[in-house]
Amino acid sequence: MLILSTFSFNPVCALGATLTDSEKRMTGTILGVGPGVFILAVVWVLTLLLCMLLSRAAGLARFSVILVFFAAVIITLTLLLFPRAGKFPAPVIEIKPCSVPNQLISVVKKICREL
């Protein structure tokens, strides 16, 4: 099982087709955008909801809207200024279609040796 975990199997490559450069870059995206956009959307939706709820409050609680807004601005600036991924995507290791059967044969041999 150790050998199986080291190989990444891509059924598209196993059938002989190769991924285009744009498909390789878009592997970590949803609808063409990364997870950071969704995180920012959730932060700002929650900020707007909290601001609406706190604007109805009386007394000093009403002024906490300012703190909630600035917290959302700080989170947004942090996500924008300190991106998680680099500017260039990590290189993708391609497996040739003919090497997949060879890898499967070596896995079977390894399992049979252990039995």
Protein backbone atom coordinates (compact mmCIF):
# COMPACT_ATOMS: atom_id res chain seq x y z
CA MET A 1 0.00 0.00 0.00
CA LEU A 2 2.94 2.29 0.47
CA ILE A 3 3.66 2.20 -3.24
CA LEU A 4 0.06 3.04 -4.12
CA SER A 5 0.13 6.18 -2.03
CA THR A 6 3.22 7.55 -3.81
CA PHE A 7 1.70 7.45 -7.29
CA SER A 8 -0.92 9.94 -8.39
CA PHE A 9 -3.24 8.40 -10.94
CA ASN A 10 -4.99 10.66 -13.42
CA PRO A 11 -7.53 8.73 -15.50
CA VAL A 12 -7.47 11.36 -18.26
CA CYS A 13 -3.72 10.86 -18.76
CA ALA A 14 -4.13 7.09 -18.52
CA LEU A 15 -6.45 7.16 -21.52
CA GLY A 16 -3.88 8.98 -23.61
CA ALA A 17 -5.28 12.52 -23.41
CA THR A 18 -3.24 15.29 -21.86
CA LEU A 19 -4.42 18.27 -19.88
CA THR A 20 -4.03 21.72 -21.37
CA ASP A 21 -2.02 24.40 -19.56
CA SER A 22 -5.17 26.24 -18.48
CA GLU A 23 -6.64 23.03 -17.03
CA LYS A 24 -3.44 22.41 -15.07
CA ARG A 25 -3.56 25.90 -13.58
CA MET A 26 -7.25 25.64 -12.69
CA THR A 27 -7.03 22.50 -10.55
CA GLY A 28 -7.60 24.32 -7.25
CA THR A 29 -10.41 26.56 -8.43
CA ILE A 30 -14.18 26.55 -8.32
CA LEU A 31 -15.95 28.29 -11.20
CA GLY A 32 -12.61 29.78 -12.23
CA VAL A 33 -11.85 31.50 -8.91
CA GLY A 34 -9.80 30.30 -5.97
CA PRO A 35 -10.88 29.68 -2.38
CA GLY A 36 -9.72 33.16 -1.31
CA VAL A 37 -12.58 34.80 -3.19
CA PHE A 38 -15.11 32.63 -1.37
CA ILE A 39 -13.47 33.38 1.98
CA LEU A 40 -13.66 37.12 1.27
CA ALA A 41 -17.30 36.80 0.24
CA VAL A 42 -18.18 34.99 3.47
CA VAL A 43 -16.27 37.56 5.56
CA TRP A 44 -18.09 40.48 3.96
CA VAL A 45 -21.53 38.85 4.07
CA LEU A 46 -21.07 38.14 7.78
CA THR A 47 -19.80 41.69 8.29
CA LEU A 48 -22.87 43.18 6.62
CA LEU A 49 -25.19 40.96 8.66
CA LEU A 50 -23.46 41.88 11.93
CA CYS A 51 -23.52 45.56 11.00
CA MET A 52 -27.25 45.40 10.31
CA LEU A 53 -27.91 43.59 13.58
CA LEU A 54 -25.72 45.89 15.64
CA SER A 55 -27.16 49.03 14.07
CA ARG A 56 -30.48 48.18 15.77
CA ALA A 57 -28.80 47.88 19.17
CA ALA A 58 -28.99 50.62 21.75
CA GLY A 59 -26.19 52.32 23.63
CA LEU A 60 -22.53 51.46 23.20
CA ALA A 61 -23.28 48.24 21.32
CA ARG A 62 -24.28 50.38 18.35
CA PHE A 63 -20.71 51.66 18.01
CA SER A 64 -19.28 48.14 17.77
CA VAL A 65 -20.28 48.28 14.10
CA ILE A 66 -17.08 50.27 13.55
CA LEU A 67 -14.98 47.50 15.14
CA VAL A 68 -16.68 44.81 13.04
CA PHE A 69 -16.07 46.80 9.87
CA PHE A 70 -12.39 47.40 10.65
CA ALA A 71 -11.93 43.72 11.53
CA ALA A 72 -13.30 42.79 8.09
CA VAL A 73 -10.97 45.32 6.45
CA ILE A 74 -7.97 43.86 8.32
CA ILE A 75 -8.91 40.30 7.31
CA THR A 76 -9.37 41.40 3.69
CA LEU A 77 -6.02 43.20 3.57
CA THR A 78 -4.30 40.21 5.17
CA LEU A 79 -5.71 37.84 2.57
CA LEU A 80 -4.85 40.17 -0.28
CA LEU A 81 -1.33 41.11 0.82
CA PHE A 82 -0.20 37.69 2.00
CA PRO A 83 -1.36 35.23 -0.67
CA ARG A 84 -0.99 31.53 0.11
CA ALA A 85 0.15 30.37 -3.31
CA GLY A 86 3.01 31.67 -5.42
CA LYS A 87 2.61 33.61 -8.61
CA PHE A 88 3.50 30.56 -10.65
CA PRO A 89 1.73 27.22 -10.17
CA ALA A 90 3.68 24.22 -8.95
CA PRO A 91 4.99 22.02 -11.73
CA VAL A 92 2.73 19.14 -12.62
CA ILE A 93 4.32 15.73 -12.97
CA GLU A 94 2.82 13.92 -15.92
CA ILE A 95 2.61 10.15 -16.09
CA LYS A 96 2.89 8.64 -19.52
CA PRO A 97 -0.03 6.34 -20.40
CA CYS A 98 2.26 3.38 -20.95
CA SER A 99 3.87 3.77 -17.51
CA VAL A 100 0.59 3.21 -15.61
CA PRO A 101 0.42 -0.53 -16.41
CA ASN A 102 4.09 -0.85 -15.49
CA GLN A 103 3.42 0.78 -12.13
CA LEU A 104 0.46 -1.51 -11.51
CA ILE A 105 2.59 -4.55 -12.31
CA SER A 106 5.27 -3.39 -9.87
CA VAL A 107 2.63 -2.88 -7.16
CA VAL A 108 1.26 -6.39 -7.70
CA LYS A 109 4.79 -7.84 -7.56
CA LYS A 110 5.47 -5.98 -4.31
CA ILE A 111 2.23 -7.26 -2.74
CA CYS A 112 2.94 -10.84 -3.89
CA ARG A 113 6.45 -10.68 -2.35
CA GLU A 114 5.00 -9.65 1.01
CA LEU A 115 2.53 -12.55 1.03
